[in-house]
N, C-alpha and C. Protein backbone atom coordinates (compact mmCIF):
# COMPACT_ATOMS: atom_id res chain seq x y z
N MET A 1 0.85 -0.89 -0.07
CA MET A 1 0.09 -0.08 0.16
C MET A 1 0.68 1.32 -0.05
N ASN A 2 0.55 2.33 -0.66
CA ASN A 2 1.58 3.17 -0.86
C ASN A 2 0.94 4.36 0.25
N ARG A 3 1.87 5.27 0.21
CA ARG A 3 1.65 6.28 1.55
C ARG A 3 0.23 6.91 1.22
N GLU A 4 -0.28 7.38 -0.36
CA GLU A 4 -1.34 8.35 -0.73
C GLU A 4 -2.72 7.20 -0.13
N SER A 5 -2.67 6.04 -0.40
CA SER A 5 -3.46 4.94 -0.20
C SER A 5 -3.68 5.01 1.34
N GLU A 6 -2.66 5.09 1.84
CA GLU A 6 -2.70 4.85 3.46
C GLU A 6 -3.60 5.92 4.15
N ASN A 7 -2.83 7.13 3.67
CA ASN A 7 -3.65 8.82 3.84
C ASN A 7 -5.18 8.44 3.73
N ALA A 8 -5.62 7.86 2.58
CA ALA A 8 -6.97 8.13 2.31
C ALA A 8 -7.49 6.96 3.21
N VAL A 9 -6.88 5.91 3.91
CA VAL A 9 -7.77 5.03 4.41
C VAL A 9 -7.64 5.94 5.87
N ILE A 10 -6.83 6.48 6.27
CA ILE A 10 -6.74 6.80 7.44
C ILE A 10 -7.67 7.97 7.71
N SER A 11 -8.00 8.79 6.75
CA SER A 11 -8.73 10.30 6.35
C SER A 11 -10.24 9.62 6.47
N ARG A 12 -10.43 8.56 5.70
CA ARG A 12 -11.97 7.74 5.73
C ARG A 12 -12.29 7.39 7.15
N THR A 13 -11.40 6.46 7.72
CA THR A 13 -11.52 6.37 9.30
C THR A 13 -11.85 7.36 9.91
N HIS A 14 -10.90 8.29 9.76
CA HIS A 14 -11.26 9.59 10.95
C HIS A 14 -12.26 9.89 10.44
N ARG A 15 -13.02 10.27 9.47
CA ARG A 15 -14.16 10.89 9.38
C ARG A 15 -15.58 9.75 9.81
N VAL A 16 -15.22 9.02 9.32
CA VAL A 16 -16.43 7.93 9.96
C VAL A 16 -16.55 7.68 11.65
N ASN A 17 -15.41 8.03 12.00
CA ASN A 17 -15.31 7.65 13.33
C ASN A 17 -15.55 9.15 14.33
N GLN A 18 -15.84 10.36 13.29
CA GLN A 18 -16.21 11.54 13.99
C GLN A 18 -17.63 11.25 13.96
N TRP A 19 -18.43 10.89 12.85
CA TRP A 19 -19.72 10.74 12.57
C TRP A 19 -20.18 9.50 13.94
N ARG A 20 -19.42 8.58 14.08
CA ARG A 20 -19.69 7.75 15.12
C ARG A 20 -19.71 8.30 16.58
N ALA A 21 -18.82 9.17 16.74
CA ALA A 21 -18.78 9.95 18.11
C ALA A 21 -20.10 10.77 18.29
N MET A 22 -20.15 11.66 16.84
CA MET A 22 -21.46 12.24 16.96
C MET A 22 -22.74 11.48 17.49
N LEU A 23 -22.78 10.36 17.06
CA LEU A 23 -23.92 9.61 17.21
C LEU A 23 -24.06 8.91 18.73
N ARG A 24 -22.85 8.71 19.26
CA ARG A 24 -22.82 8.43 20.73
C ARG A 24 -22.74 9.58 21.99
N ASP A 25 -23.33 10.74 21.03
CA ASP A 25 -23.01 12.15 22.26
C ASP A 25 -24.58 11.95 22.52
N GLU A 26 -24.96 11.57 23.94
CA GLU A 26 -26.14 11.18 24.17
C GLU A 26 -26.68 12.56 24.68
N LEU A 27 -25.79 13.40 25.28
CA LEU A 27 -25.94 14.60 25.71
C LEU A 27 -26.85 15.61 24.99
N ALA A 28 -26.20 15.35 23.77
CA ALA A 28 -26.61 16.78 22.51
C ALA A 28 -28.12 15.70 21.94
N LEU A 29 -27.80 14.36 21.84
CA LEU A 29 -29.16 13.87 21.37
C LEU A 29 -30.21 14.00 22.43
N LEU A 30 -30.14 13.73 23.54
CA LEU A 30 -31.31 14.27 24.38
C LEU A 30 -31.52 15.53 24.68
N ALA A 31 -30.72 16.45 24.43
CA ALA A 31 -31.22 18.07 24.48
C ALA A 31 -32.03 18.30 23.40
N MET A 32 -31.33 17.80 22.20
CA MET A 32 -32.09 18.33 20.89
C MET A 32 -32.57 17.10 19.79
N PRO A 33 -33.12 16.15 20.28
CA PRO A 33 -33.24 14.99 19.26
C PRO A 33 -33.38 15.42 17.77
N GLY A 34 -34.52 16.17 17.59
CA GLY A 34 -34.86 16.18 16.16
C GLY A 34 -33.71 17.06 15.59
N ALA A 35 -32.94 18.11 15.94
CA ALA A 35 -31.86 18.44 15.64
C ALA A 35 -30.66 17.64 15.47
N HIS A 36 -30.21 17.06 16.19
CA HIS A 36 -28.99 16.15 16.32
C HIS A 36 -29.58 14.86 15.66
N HIS A 37 -30.70 14.33 15.09
CA HIS A 37 -30.99 13.40 14.35
C HIS A 37 -30.63 14.02 12.79
N LYS A 38 -30.83 15.17 12.75
CA LYS A 38 -31.02 15.83 11.29
C LYS A 38 -29.56 16.02 10.98
N ALA A 39 -28.70 16.72 12.13
CA ALA A 39 -27.36 16.40 11.83
C ALA A 39 -26.47 15.48 11.67
N LEU A 40 -26.80 14.60 11.88
CA LEU A 40 -26.56 13.11 11.79
C LEU A 40 -26.74 12.82 10.59
N LEU A 41 -27.99 12.89 9.60
CA LEU A 41 -28.24 12.74 8.37
C LEU A 41 -27.65 13.42 7.29
N ARG A 42 -27.41 14.33 7.68
CA ARG A 42 -26.64 15.37 6.86
C ARG A 42 -25.49 14.84 6.65
N GLN A 43 -24.53 14.35 7.50
CA GLN A 43 -23.31 13.79 7.98
C GLN A 43 -22.98 13.06 6.85
N ALA A 44 -24.32 11.80 7.49
CA ALA A 44 -23.95 10.50 6.67
C ALA A 44 -24.25 10.99 5.23
N HIS A 45 -25.24 11.70 4.68
CA HIS A 45 -25.30 11.75 3.22
C HIS A 45 -23.83 12.77 2.78
N ALA A 46 -23.28 13.41 3.36
CA ALA A 46 -21.84 14.20 3.18
C ALA A 46 -20.99 13.07 2.74
N LEU A 47 -20.76 12.23 3.71
CA LEU A 47 -19.84 11.05 3.61
C LEU A 47 -20.39 10.44 2.61
N HIS A 48 -21.29 10.26 1.95
CA HIS A 48 -21.79 9.16 1.00
C HIS A 48 -21.47 10.17 -0.34
N GLN A 49 -21.87 11.45 -0.55
CA GLN A 49 -21.33 12.23 -1.74
C GLN A 49 -20.11 12.66 -1.86
N GLY A 50 -19.11 12.73 -0.77
CA GLY A 50 -17.68 12.66 -0.71
C GLY A 50 -16.91 11.61 -1.16
N GLN A 51 -17.88 10.49 -1.16
CA GLN A 51 -17.24 8.85 -1.50
C GLN A 51 -16.47 8.43 -0.44
N VAL A 52 -16.52 8.75 0.77
CA VAL A 52 -16.15 8.38 2.06
C VAL A 52 -16.56 6.90 2.07
N ILE A 53 -17.88 6.86 2.09
CA ILE A 53 -18.72 5.53 2.29
C ILE A 53 -19.81 5.16 1.03
N ASP A 54 -19.68 3.67 0.88
CA ASP A 54 -20.57 3.58 -0.15
C ASP A 54 -22.22 3.19 0.05
N ALA A 55 -23.25 3.10 -0.94
CA ALA A 55 -24.56 2.88 -0.67
C ALA A 55 -24.88 2.21 0.79
N ASP A 56 -24.18 1.09 0.74
CA ASP A 56 -24.44 0.02 2.17
C ASP A 56 -24.15 0.90 3.32
N GLU A 57 -23.12 1.31 3.21
CA GLU A 57 -22.90 2.01 4.55
C GLU A 57 -23.50 3.30 4.77
N LEU A 58 -24.18 4.21 3.79
CA LEU A 58 -25.08 4.90 3.93
C LEU A 58 -26.10 4.40 4.67
N GLY A 59 -26.66 3.63 4.04
CA GLY A 59 -28.01 2.93 4.54
C GLY A 59 -27.77 2.35 6.32
N ASP A 60 -26.42 1.91 6.53
CA ASP A 60 -26.33 1.64 7.98
C ASP A 60 -26.16 2.70 8.81
N LEU A 61 -25.74 3.82 8.14
CA LEU A 61 -25.58 5.28 9.34
C LEU A 61 -26.88 5.65 9.42
N LEU A 62 -27.98 5.53 8.31
CA LEU A 62 -29.26 6.50 8.49
C LEU A 62 -29.92 5.57 9.54
N GLU A 63 -29.88 3.83 9.40
CA GLU A 63 -30.31 3.29 10.43
C GLU A 63 -30.13 3.62 11.84
N LEU A 64 -28.78 4.00 11.96
CA LEU A 64 -28.39 4.24 13.23
C LEU A 64 -28.86 5.54 13.98
N ALA A 65 -28.78 6.31 12.68
CA ALA A 65 -29.20 7.72 13.20
C ALA A 65 -30.70 7.62 13.61
N ASP A 66 -32.06 6.46 12.79
CA ASP A 66 -33.05 6.69 13.38
C ASP A 66 -33.21 5.75 14.65
N ALA A 67 -32.27 4.94 14.69
CA ALA A 67 -32.34 4.24 16.13
C ALA A 67 -32.24 5.00 17.06
N ALA A 68 -31.14 5.94 17.06
CA ALA A 68 -30.67 6.92 18.12
C ALA A 68 -31.81 8.05 18.59
N LEU A 69 -32.34 8.34 17.26
CA LEU A 69 -33.82 9.32 17.41
C LEU A 69 -34.81 8.51 18.47
N ALA A 70 -35.34 7.43 17.75
CA ALA A 70 -36.24 6.59 18.36
C ALA A 70 -36.05 6.20 19.94
N TYR A 71 -34.49 6.09 20.39
CA TYR A 71 -34.05 6.18 21.32
C TYR A 71 -34.40 7.07 22.30
N ALA A 72 -34.07 8.23 21.80
CA ALA A 72 -34.12 9.62 22.52
C ALA A 72 -35.48 9.78 22.74
N VAL A 73 -36.29 9.53 21.84
CA VAL A 73 -38.07 9.93 21.66
C VAL A 73 -38.53 9.12 23.00
N GLU A 74 -38.00 7.58 23.18
CA GLU A 74 -38.54 7.04 24.02
C GLU A 74 -38.18 7.62 25.56
N SER A 75 -36.71 7.81 25.60
CA SER A 75 -36.36 8.27 27.22
C SER A 75 -36.98 9.37 27.24
N LEU A 76 -37.29 10.23 26.36
CA LEU A 76 -37.85 11.61 26.87
C LEU A 76 -39.22 11.46 27.60
N LEU A 77 -40.09 10.63 26.50
CA LEU A 77 -41.34 9.95 26.88
C LEU A 77 -41.66 9.27 28.26
N ASP A 78 -40.81 8.49 28.50
CA ASP A 78 -40.80 7.35 29.66
C ASP A 78 -39.50 7.88 30.45
N PRO A 79 -39.15 8.74 31.40
CA PRO A 79 -38.08 9.07 32.25
C PRO A 79 -37.78 8.05 33.03
N TYR A 80 -38.32 6.84 33.28
CA TYR A 80 -38.47 5.83 34.04
C TYR A 80 -37.56 4.67 33.43
N THR A 81 -37.52 4.80 32.34
CA THR A 81 -37.42 3.47 31.03
C THR A 81 -35.83 2.89 32.02
N ASP A 82 -35.02 3.82 32.25
CA ASP A 82 -33.76 3.34 32.91
C ASP A 82 -33.71 2.49 34.25
N GLU A 83 -35.06 2.41 34.65
CA GLU A 83 -34.90 1.84 35.94
C GLU A 83 -35.29 0.25 36.14
């Protein structure tokens, strides 16, 4: 693997990891579920449009974003869910 390919893989991994870090930000998710979900969707589509991820990976990220939104809504509607 040449240096340019290594850098591309590192960049791709870094960008996807940034998205995953945003996904795991529970404080932001619970503070503003709709806005956080929209940001996750925008970033996932930007990764796909920038050819960082393929269509299958985009589908996976969108499903994770939707699951995070569902979790936030359920948590906010039922504050005793964690008990």
